[in-house]
Protein backbone atom coordinates (compact mmCIF):
# COMPACT_ATOMS: atom_id res chain seq x y z
CA MET A 1 -11.09 -51.40 21.17
CA ALA A 2 -9.29 -49.43 18.65
CA ASP A 3 -9.41 -49.79 15.23
CA PHE A 4 -5.56 -49.18 14.36
CA ARG A 5 -6.52 -49.49 10.94
CA ASN A 6 -9.62 -47.46 10.08
CA ASP A 7 -9.94 -44.80 12.84
CA SER A 8 -8.89 -41.28 11.88
CA ILE A 9 -4.50 -40.80 13.06
CA LEU A 10 -6.05 -37.86 15.24
CA LYS A 11 -8.47 -39.94 16.94
CA LEU A 12 -6.12 -42.28 17.45
CA ILE A 13 -3.46 -40.15 19.17
CA TRP A 14 -5.65 -38.85 21.04
CA GLU A 15 -7.25 -41.88 22.66
CA PHE A 16 -3.72 -43.73 23.46
CA THR A 17 -1.64 -40.38 23.45
CA LEU A 18 -3.18 -38.76 26.35
CA PRO A 19 -3.80 -41.56 28.84
CA SER A 20 0.15 -42.57 28.12
CA LEU A 21 1.15 -39.19 28.72
CA ILE A 22 -0.82 -39.14 32.14
CA GLY A 23 0.11 -42.45 33.10
CA THR A 24 3.69 -41.88 32.51
CA LEU A 25 3.78 -38.55 34.29
CA ALA A 26 2.40 -40.23 37.14
CA ASN A 27 4.98 -42.61 36.77
CA THR A 28 7.90 -40.12 36.89
CA ILE A 29 6.12 -38.24 39.84
CA TYR A 30 7.30 -41.34 41.92
CA ASN A 31 10.79 -40.29 41.82
CA ILE A 32 10.11 -36.90 41.70
CA VAL A 33 8.03 -36.57 44.86
CA ASP A 34 10.46 -38.69 46.95
CA ARG A 35 13.22 -35.92 45.94
CA ILE A 36 10.55 -32.46 47.00
CA PHE A 37 9.80 -34.62 50.28
CA ILE A 38 13.22 -35.50 50.73
CA GLY A 39 14.82 -31.58 50.15
CA GLN A 40 12.08 -29.73 52.14
CA GLY A 41 12.38 -32.45 55.16
CA VAL A 42 15.43 -33.82 55.19
CA GLY A 43 17.84 -31.53 54.00
CA THR A 44 20.76 -30.35 51.50
CA PHE A 45 22.95 -33.18 51.70
CA ALA A 46 20.00 -35.52 51.63
CA ILE A 47 18.96 -33.96 48.19
CA SER A 48 22.97 -34.54 46.91
CA GLY A 49 22.88 -38.38 47.96
CA LEU A 50 19.64 -38.89 46.38
CA ALA A 51 21.58 -37.41 42.95
CA LEU A 52 23.79 -40.10 43.35
CA THR A 53 21.49 -43.21 43.27
CA PHE A 54 20.26 -41.56 39.60
CA PRO A 55 22.85 -43.66 37.67
CA ILE A 56 21.69 -46.83 39.35
CA MET A 57 18.31 -45.93 38.95
CA ASN A 58 18.82 -45.31 35.55
CA ILE A 59 20.32 -48.84 35.13
CA MET A 60 17.06 -50.31 36.88
CA THR A 61 14.98 -48.09 34.81
CA ALA A 62 17.29 -49.06 31.72
CA PHE A 63 16.45 -53.17 32.59
CA GLY A 64 12.94 -52.35 32.63
CA MET A 65 12.69 -50.49 29.43
CA LEU A 66 14.46 -53.49 27.44
CA VAL A 67 11.90 -55.52 28.18
CA GLY A 68 8.95 -53.35 29.09
CA GLN A 69 9.22 -51.50 25.67
CA GLY A 70 10.33 -54.22 23.65
CA ALA A 71 7.55 -56.50 24.35
CA ALA A 72 4.96 -53.66 23.66
CA ALA A 73 6.48 -52.72 20.28
CA GLU A 74 6.46 -56.65 19.47
CA MET A 75 3.15 -56.96 20.43
CA SER A 76 1.75 -54.02 18.39
CA ILE A 77 3.65 -55.04 15.36
CA ARG A 78 2.07 -58.68 15.65
CA LEU A 79 -1.11 -57.40 16.24
CA GLY A 80 -1.00 -55.41 13.07
CA ARG A 81 -0.18 -58.70 11.22
CA ARG A 82 -2.77 -60.43 12.78
CA ASP A 83 -0.52 -62.85 14.78
CA HIS A 84 -2.50 -63.00 17.81
CA SER A 85 0.52 -64.55 20.09
CA GLU A 86 0.45 -61.52 22.87
CA GLY A 87 0.17 -64.46 25.94
CA SER A 88 3.51 -65.73 24.91
CA VAL A 89 4.92 -61.91 24.20
CA LEU A 90 3.81 -61.46 27.73
CA SER A 91 4.86 -64.83 29.15
CA ASN A 92 8.49 -63.97 27.98
CA MET A 93 8.33 -60.33 29.02
CA ILE A 94 7.93 -61.43 32.48
CA LEU A 95 10.48 -64.33 32.15
CA LEU A 96 12.93 -61.50 31.31
CA THR A 97 12.27 -58.72 33.83
CA PHE A 98 12.79 -61.93 36.68
CA VAL A 99 16.52 -62.63 35.01
CA ASN A 100 17.11 -58.87 34.93
CA TYR A 101 16.15 -58.64 38.58
CA LEU A 102 18.46 -61.43 40.11
CA LEU A 103 21.37 -59.78 37.86
CA VAL A 104 20.62 -56.25 38.39
CA THR A 105 20.34 -57.06 42.31
CA VAL A 106 23.61 -58.96 42.65
CA VAL A 107 25.48 -57.02 41.13
CA CYS A 108 24.59 -53.68 43.00
CA TYR A 109 24.20 -55.03 46.50
CA LEU A 110 27.76 -56.99 46.49
CA ASN A 111 29.29 -53.35 44.98
CA LEU A 112 27.04 -50.51 46.33
CA ASP A 113 29.92 -48.42 48.34
CA ARG A 114 32.59 -48.92 45.56
CA ILE A 115 30.01 -47.82 43.43
CA LEU A 116 28.51 -44.68 45.10
CA GLU A 117 32.49 -43.61 45.64
CA LEU A 118 32.96 -44.04 41.77
CA PHE A 119 29.76 -41.82 41.00
CA GLY A 120 31.09 -38.97 43.36
CA GLY A 121 29.97 -39.55 46.58
CA SER A 122 31.37 -38.04 49.83
CA PRO A 123 31.22 -38.94 53.48
CA ASN A 124 28.46 -36.32 53.25
CA THR A 125 26.58 -37.72 50.88
CA ILE A 126 27.23 -41.63 50.69
CA PRO A 127 25.13 -42.38 53.38
CA TYR A 128 22.12 -41.01 52.40
CA ALA A 129 22.76 -42.67 49.02
CA ARG A 130 22.79 -46.16 50.55
CA GLN A 131 19.84 -45.71 52.77
CA TYR A 132 17.48 -45.28 50.11
CA LEU A 133 19.39 -48.09 47.93
CA GLU A 134 19.16 -51.06 50.20
CA ILE A 135 15.45 -50.42 50.14
CA ILE A 136 14.98 -49.57 46.69
CA ILE A 137 17.27 -52.36 44.65
CA PRO A 138 15.47 -55.03 46.53
CA GLY A 139 12.10 -53.62 45.39
CA HIS A 140 12.81 -52.76 41.85
CA PHE A 141 11.50 -56.49 40.29
CA MET A 142 8.02 -55.08 40.95
CA THR A 143 9.03 -51.64 39.75
CA SER A 144 9.89 -53.00 36.15
CA LEU A 145 7.11 -55.50 36.25
CA GLY A 146 5.00 -52.87 36.83
CA PHE A 147 6.37 -50.64 34.08
CA GLY A 148 6.81 -53.49 31.80
CA LEU A 149 2.92 -54.76 32.32
CA SER A 150 1.68 -50.87 31.92
CA ASN A 151 3.26 -51.15 28.03
CA VAL A 152 1.66 -54.20 27.27
CA ILE A 153 -2.04 -53.17 28.26
CA ARG A 154 -1.73 -50.00 26.49
CA SER A 155 -0.11 -51.93 23.21
CA SER A 156 -3.49 -54.15 23.55
CA GLY A 157 -5.62 -51.26 22.67
CA ARG A 158 -6.47 -50.55 26.00
CA PRO A 159 -4.84 -47.11 26.99
CA LYS A 160 -7.20 -45.86 29.60
CA VAL A 161 -6.14 -49.25 32.08
CA ALA A 162 -2.96 -48.65 31.48
CA MET A 163 -2.89 -44.89 32.85
CA CYS A 164 -5.41 -45.64 35.99
CA THR A 165 -2.72 -48.27 36.92
CA LEU A 166 0.18 -45.61 36.98
CA ILE A 167 -2.30 -43.03 38.50
CA ALA A 168 -2.91 -45.35 41.38
CA GLY A 169 0.29 -46.17 42.22
CA ALA A 170 1.77 -42.19 42.27
CA SER A 171 -1.10 -41.65 43.97
CA LEU A 172 -0.59 -43.83 46.47
CA ASN A 173 2.68 -42.94 46.62
CA ILE A 174 2.28 -39.08 47.06
CA LEU A 175 0.36 -40.26 49.78
CA LEU A 176 2.76 -42.71 52.00
CA ASP A 177 5.60 -40.29 51.56
CA PRO A 178 5.07 -37.72 54.27
CA ILE A 179 3.70 -40.55 56.35
CA PHE A 180 6.84 -42.26 56.13
CA ILE A 181 9.22 -39.70 56.29
CA PHE A 182 7.14 -37.20 58.52
CA VAL A 183 5.12 -39.67 60.96
CA PHE A 184 7.14 -42.41 61.11
CA ASN A 185 10.26 -40.19 61.11
CA LEU A 186 12.14 -42.83 58.80
CA GLY A 187 13.75 -39.62 56.78
CA ILE A 188 15.25 -41.05 53.30
CA ARG A 189 14.29 -44.51 53.68
CA GLY A 190 10.63 -43.65 54.37
CA ALA A 191 10.51 -42.18 50.66
CA ALA A 192 12.18 -45.63 49.61
CA ILE A 193 9.54 -47.82 51.56
CA ALA A 194 6.67 -45.79 50.50
CA THR A 195 8.01 -46.08 46.88
CA VAL A 196 8.21 -49.89 47.32
CA ILE A 197 4.77 -50.26 48.61
CA SER A 198 3.37 -48.29 45.60
CA MET A 199 4.86 -49.94 42.82
CA THR A 200 3.92 -53.36 44.09
CA LEU A 201 0.39 -52.88 44.36
CA THR A 202 0.72 -51.26 41.03
CA ALA A 203 2.51 -54.54 39.48
CA LEU A 204 -0.18 -56.58 41.49
CA TRP A 205 -3.15 -54.85 39.61
CA ALA A 206 -1.23 -54.86 36.29
CA LEU A 207 -0.73 -58.76 36.55
CA TYR A 208 -4.14 -59.35 37.25
CA GLU A 209 -5.48 -56.76 34.40
CA VAL A 210 -3.31 -58.97 32.01
CA SER A 211 -4.19 -62.61 33.39
CA GLY A 212 -6.34 -63.61 30.86
CA MET A 213 -3.45 -63.28 28.20
CA LEU A 214 -1.63 -65.64 30.25
CA LYS A 215 -4.30 -68.51 30.76
CA SER A 216 -3.96 -68.73 26.82
CA CYS A 217 -0.68 -70.02 26.62
CA GLU A 218 2.38 -72.37 27.81
CA LEU A 219 4.67 -70.21 30.25
CA LYS A 220 7.65 -71.21 28.78
CA PRO A 221 10.86 -69.24 26.85
CA ASP A 222 10.15 -68.78 23.20
CA PHE A 223 14.10 -67.77 22.54
CA HIS A 224 12.80 -66.40 18.87
CA ILE A 225 10.47 -63.92 21.11
CA LEU A 226 13.37 -63.03 23.69
CA PHE A 227 15.27 -62.10 21.14
CA ARG A 228 12.85 -59.96 19.57
CA ILE A 229 12.00 -58.33 22.93
CA VAL A 230 15.80 -57.24 23.56
CA SER A 231 16.60 -56.47 20.29
CA ILE A 232 13.74 -53.79 19.86
CA GLY A 233 14.17 -52.86 23.45
CA MET A 234 17.59 -51.96 23.20
CA ALA A 235 17.19 -48.77 22.24
CA PRO A 236 15.59 -47.31 25.41
CA PHE A 237 17.96 -49.78 27.27
CA LEU A 238 21.22 -48.04 26.04
CA LEU A 239 19.52 -44.53 26.46
CA GLN A 240 19.05 -45.13 29.98
CA ILE A 241 22.47 -46.83 30.14
CA CYS A 242 23.83 -44.02 28.52
CA ASN A 243 22.27 -41.76 31.04
CA SER A 244 23.67 -43.65 33.63
CA LEU A 245 26.97 -42.78 32.40
CA VAL A 246 25.97 -39.44 31.67
CA ASN A 247 25.12 -38.91 35.54
CA VAL A 248 28.46 -40.67 36.49
CA GLU A 249 31.02 -38.47 34.53
CA MET A 250 28.78 -35.42 35.47
CA ASN A 251 28.83 -36.28 39.21
CA ARG A 252 32.49 -36.46 39.07
CA SER A 253 32.84 -33.49 37.32
CA LEU A 254 30.34 -31.54 39.61
CA SER A 255 32.17 -32.53 42.57
CA LEU A 256 35.09 -31.06 40.64
CA TYR A 257 33.63 -27.65 40.05
CA GLY A 258 31.17 -27.28 42.46
CA GLY A 259 31.12 -29.74 45.25
CA ASP A 260 28.38 -31.50 46.99
CA LEU A 261 26.23 -28.87 46.44
CA ALA A 262 26.60 -28.44 42.65
CA ILE A 263 25.59 -32.43 42.99
CA GLY A 264 22.29 -31.82 44.78
CA ALA A 265 21.87 -28.63 42.03
CA PHE A 266 21.94 -31.43 39.39
CA GLY A 267 19.92 -33.60 41.15
CA ILE A 268 17.04 -30.82 40.93
CA ILE A 269 17.83 -29.84 37.26
CA THR A 270 17.53 -33.19 36.41
CA SER A 271 14.58 -34.04 38.37
CA PHE A 272 13.08 -31.08 36.00
CA SER A 273 14.20 -31.99 32.78
CA THR A 274 13.46 -35.78 33.23
CA LEU A 275 9.73 -34.64 34.05
CA ILE A 276 9.32 -32.68 30.45
CA THR A 277 11.26 -35.31 28.34
CA MET A 278 9.16 -38.20 30.00
CA MET A 279 6.20 -36.50 29.24
CA VAL A 280 7.46 -36.78 25.71
CA VAL A 281 8.11 -40.51 26.33
CA GLY A 282 4.66 -40.78 27.30
CA VAL A 283 3.45 -39.38 23.86
CA ASN A 284 5.87 -42.08 22.60
CA HIS A 285 4.30 -44.34 24.33
CA GLY A 286 1.05 -43.33 22.90
CA LEU A 287 2.55 -43.16 19.21
CA GLN A 288 4.04 -47.00 19.27
CA PRO A 289 0.94 -48.96 19.26
CA ILE A 290 -0.60 -46.99 16.32
CA ILE A 291 3.27 -46.72 14.48
CA GLY A 292 3.95 -50.13 14.94
CA TYR A 293 0.37 -51.48 13.78
CA ASN A 294 0.07 -49.59 10.63
CA TYR A 295 3.72 -49.98 9.98
CA GLY A 296 3.29 -54.13 10.37
CA ALA A 297 -0.20 -53.52 8.27
CA GLY A 298 1.63 -51.61 5.60
CA LEU A 299 0.03 -48.33 5.87
CA LYS A 300 2.79 -46.42 4.50
CA ARG A 301 0.43 -42.81 4.87
CA ARG A 302 -0.70 -43.68 8.15
CA VAL A 303 2.74 -43.91 10.05
CA ALA A 304 4.13 -40.58 8.23
CA GLU A 305 1.16 -39.06 9.80
CA THR A 306 1.26 -40.02 13.09
CA LEU A 307 4.90 -39.53 13.28
CA ARG A 308 4.25 -35.79 11.89
CA ILE A 309 1.92 -35.05 14.66
CA GLY A 310 4.15 -36.88 17.00
CA VAL A 311 6.83 -34.29 16.24
CA ILE A 312 4.59 -31.17 16.57
CA ILE A 313 3.11 -32.81 19.83
CA GLY A 314 6.76 -33.36 21.24
CA THR A 315 8.04 -30.45 20.53
CA ILE A 316 5.49 -28.27 22.03
CA ILE A 317 5.83 -29.82 25.30
CA THR A 318 9.82 -29.55 25.28
CA THR A 319 9.23 -25.86 24.33
CA PHE A 320 6.98 -25.15 27.17
CA GLY A 321 9.88 -27.02 29.14
CA TRP A 322 12.33 -24.35 27.94
CA LEU A 323 9.92 -21.53 28.93
CA LEU A 324 9.84 -22.68 32.55
CA ALA A 325 13.25 -23.32 32.68
CA MET A 326 14.62 -19.79 31.38
CA PHE A 327 11.49 -17.61 33.06
CA CYS A 328 11.05 -19.52 36.30
CA PRO A 329 14.23 -21.41 37.54
CA VAL A 330 14.03 -20.01 40.86
CA TYR A 331 10.50 -21.26 41.91
CA ILE A 332 11.63 -24.64 40.51
CA ALA A 333 14.51 -24.56 42.89
CA LYS A 334 12.10 -23.62 45.99
CA CYS A 335 9.92 -26.72 44.82
CA PHE A 336 12.51 -29.11 45.91
CA ASN A 337 14.42 -26.93 48.70
CA SER A 338 12.94 -23.49 49.92
CA ASN A 339 15.81 -23.20 52.76
CA ASP A 340 19.42 -23.08 51.51
CA GLU A 341 20.02 -19.70 49.23
CA VAL A 342 23.28 -20.67 48.08
CA LEU A 343 21.64 -24.14 46.54
CA ILE A 344 18.75 -22.41 45.47
CA GLY A 345 20.90 -19.97 43.43
CA MET A 346 23.25 -22.34 42.02
CA THR A 347 19.82 -24.52 40.72
CA ALA A 348 18.20 -21.57 38.71
CA ASN A 349 21.72 -20.44 37.08
CA GLY A 350 21.84 -24.29 35.86
CA LEU A 351 18.78 -24.59 34.92
CA ARG A 352 19.52 -21.80 32.09
CA PHE A 353 22.51 -22.84 30.94
CA TYR A 354 21.54 -26.94 31.31
CA CYS A 355 18.15 -26.13 29.73
CA LEU A 356 18.98 -23.71 26.77
CA PHE A 357 18.05 -25.65 23.83
CA LEU A 358 15.50 -28.07 25.53
CA GLY A 359 12.99 -26.86 23.03
CA PHE A 360 14.34 -29.36 20.32
CA VAL A 361 14.71 -32.28 22.23
CA GLY A 362 11.04 -33.25 21.58
CA PHE A 363 12.16 -33.75 18.04
CA HIS A 364 15.23 -36.01 18.76
CA LEU A 365 13.35 -38.26 21.15
CA VAL A 366 9.77 -38.92 18.77
CA ILE A 367 12.20 -39.82 15.55
CA THR A 368 14.62 -41.99 17.73
CA ASN A 369 10.72 -43.71 19.08
CA TYR A 370 9.50 -43.76 15.68
CA TYR A 371 12.59 -46.29 14.21
CA GLN A 372 11.98 -48.47 17.49
CA SER A 373 8.66 -48.72 16.93
CA ILE A 374 8.95 -49.96 13.55
CA GLY A 375 11.11 -52.51 14.54
CA ARG A 376 14.69 -50.82 13.27
CA SER A 377 16.39 -50.38 16.10
CA ASN A 378 19.91 -50.15 14.73
CA ILE A 379 18.98 -46.89 13.95
CA SER A 380 17.22 -45.60 16.96
CA ILE A 381 20.39 -47.18 18.66
CA LEU A 382 22.77 -45.07 16.89
CA LEU A 383 20.40 -41.84 17.48
CA THR A 384 20.88 -42.68 21.54
CA LEU A 385 24.38 -43.43 21.44
CA MET A 386 25.29 -40.65 19.38
CA ARG A 387 23.12 -37.80 21.52
CA GLN A 388 24.64 -39.63 25.25
CA VAL A 389 27.73 -41.00 24.59
CA GLY A 390 29.02 -39.37 20.93
CA PHE A 391 28.07 -35.58 21.86
CA LEU A 392 27.59 -35.28 25.45
CA ILE A 393 30.40 -37.06 27.32
CA PRO A 394 33.08 -35.41 25.12
CA PHE A 395 31.12 -31.93 25.63
CA ILE A 396 31.26 -32.83 29.49
CA LEU A 397 35.44 -33.20 29.36
CA ILE A 398 36.07 -30.75 27.15
CA LEU A 399 33.94 -27.23 27.87
CA PRO A 400 34.86 -27.13 31.04
CA ALA A 401 38.50 -27.55 31.04
CA TYR A 402 38.94 -25.27 27.56
CA LEU A 403 35.87 -23.09 26.71
CA PRO A 404 36.98 -20.35 29.36
CA LEU A 405 40.48 -20.02 27.59
CA VAL A 406 38.54 -19.10 24.45
CA PRO A 407 38.86 -14.97 23.67
CA GLY A 408 35.40 -13.77 24.56
CA MET A 409 34.54 -16.36 27.00
CA SER A 410 36.79 -16.03 30.11
CA GLY A 411 33.89 -15.16 32.03
CA LEU A 412 32.15 -18.36 31.87
CA THR A 413 33.02 -20.57 34.87
CA GLU A 414 33.90 -24.06 34.76
CA LEU A 415 30.90 -24.88 36.12
CA ASN A 416 28.60 -22.57 33.98
CA CYS A 417 30.79 -24.23 30.96
CA LEU A 418 29.87 -27.54 32.54
CA TRP A 419 26.19 -27.08 32.24
CA LEU A 420 26.66 -26.00 28.57
CA ALA A 421 27.33 -29.66 27.73
CA GLN A 422 23.85 -30.45 27.28
CA PRO A 423 22.76 -27.91 24.85
CA ALA A 424 25.99 -28.70 22.72
CA SER A 425 24.93 -32.14 22.57
CA VAL A 426 21.31 -31.59 22.17
CA ILE A 427 22.15 -29.29 18.62
CA CYS A 428 24.43 -31.89 17.57
CA SER A 429 22.16 -35.12 18.16
CA VAL A 430 19.08 -32.76 16.69
CA LEU A 431 21.46 -32.33 13.66
CA LEU A 432 22.02 -36.06 13.26
CA ALA A 433 18.38 -37.12 13.32
CA PHE A 434 17.08 -34.60 11.10
CA ILE A 435 19.42 -35.92 8.22
CA ILE A 436 18.61 -39.39 8.85
CA ILE A 437 14.51 -38.89 8.71
CA ARG A 438 14.89 -36.91 5.89
CA ASN A 439 16.62 -39.88 3.94
CA ASP A 440 14.45 -42.30 5.31
CA LYS A 441 13.25 -44.43 2.10
CA TYR A 442 10.49 -45.84 3.54
CA LEU A 443 9.04 -42.23 4.58
CA ASN A 444 9.94 -40.97 1.00
């Protein structure tokens, strides 16, 4: 068991961040592997159909983050205060996960076709999206439960167990995807079935690992704990909801300026950028129990040192992603579809524009996670909302309509201007995060 109070910060970061990064990366691979197999084995419109599912997938992930990350941060803060009531936090996390599952499933199933049309779907792409979601939506309880429990396991001081739990599920998904897609010839449905089976086994394993905590508490709602979980988890929840809103607006704009093929290119681009940013999220998951515990214990210098090292690691990761996007965009595109040259060209071009300032994103993500980890969710929420809603959506609406009219910019197509909305929002949100952290009284 790690000693958050006395072990060196570098030792703790190594012990918690590496397993967390690997585990989160494994969890991210679920969807990316689906997209690779579908793109290579089913076709171009299937990739575009899968891209239509991103907003709904983001909403389901949002509810998982609301509960899982909120419960993990609350547990870390309590442990730092030597309050060993983790069983109560865990039981309320499971209860909230089930309530969220019922809500999301009912709403999505009753309005699935309408939602997909709103998200920019066409007769070519909606059937693929529906086939995938009809299986994924009922199975998302196990997805959310597995995600939440792995965060709780990590916060309780067992990062390697959390890592192994997620790696086992991702490995099984990679094994099952080609079997269900190609051997059983189930196409996009096969990818969904493989994902649900893998996440179910992941959740069951994680539930077994935390069963000891549940034995020591009463399985009943505690509204104070429920409120704390929701308030702390609200920032990552809003981040994913905002991602969903952005995806909706992007899909509609892409349909206008580039058609179904542009939506497919966006699916590949976001798969790559998500892989990079989720690596930083993995680092954040490792930093969270260290920051939360030391903040709860009143050890200010250890909190500041953890934050500083986290910013360095996050920036290195996103800079590496920027280098790949700038110098290897064609190879990235061909990982998802090696047959359609038009799609490959559109994706490679979009990657260079979309990821122009990706290297700065790590700083913003780590700062946002810091405020979530110490329970100051208001600042974390502000940073999240401004990046995704305050900056990005206006740029999506404005840049393709007006930037080509600016002198010297007439050579840019509307689609290229649309890709530039992301880097423009990154610069604005990073500046905002920098101003806030420089004026933080706790750290200064």
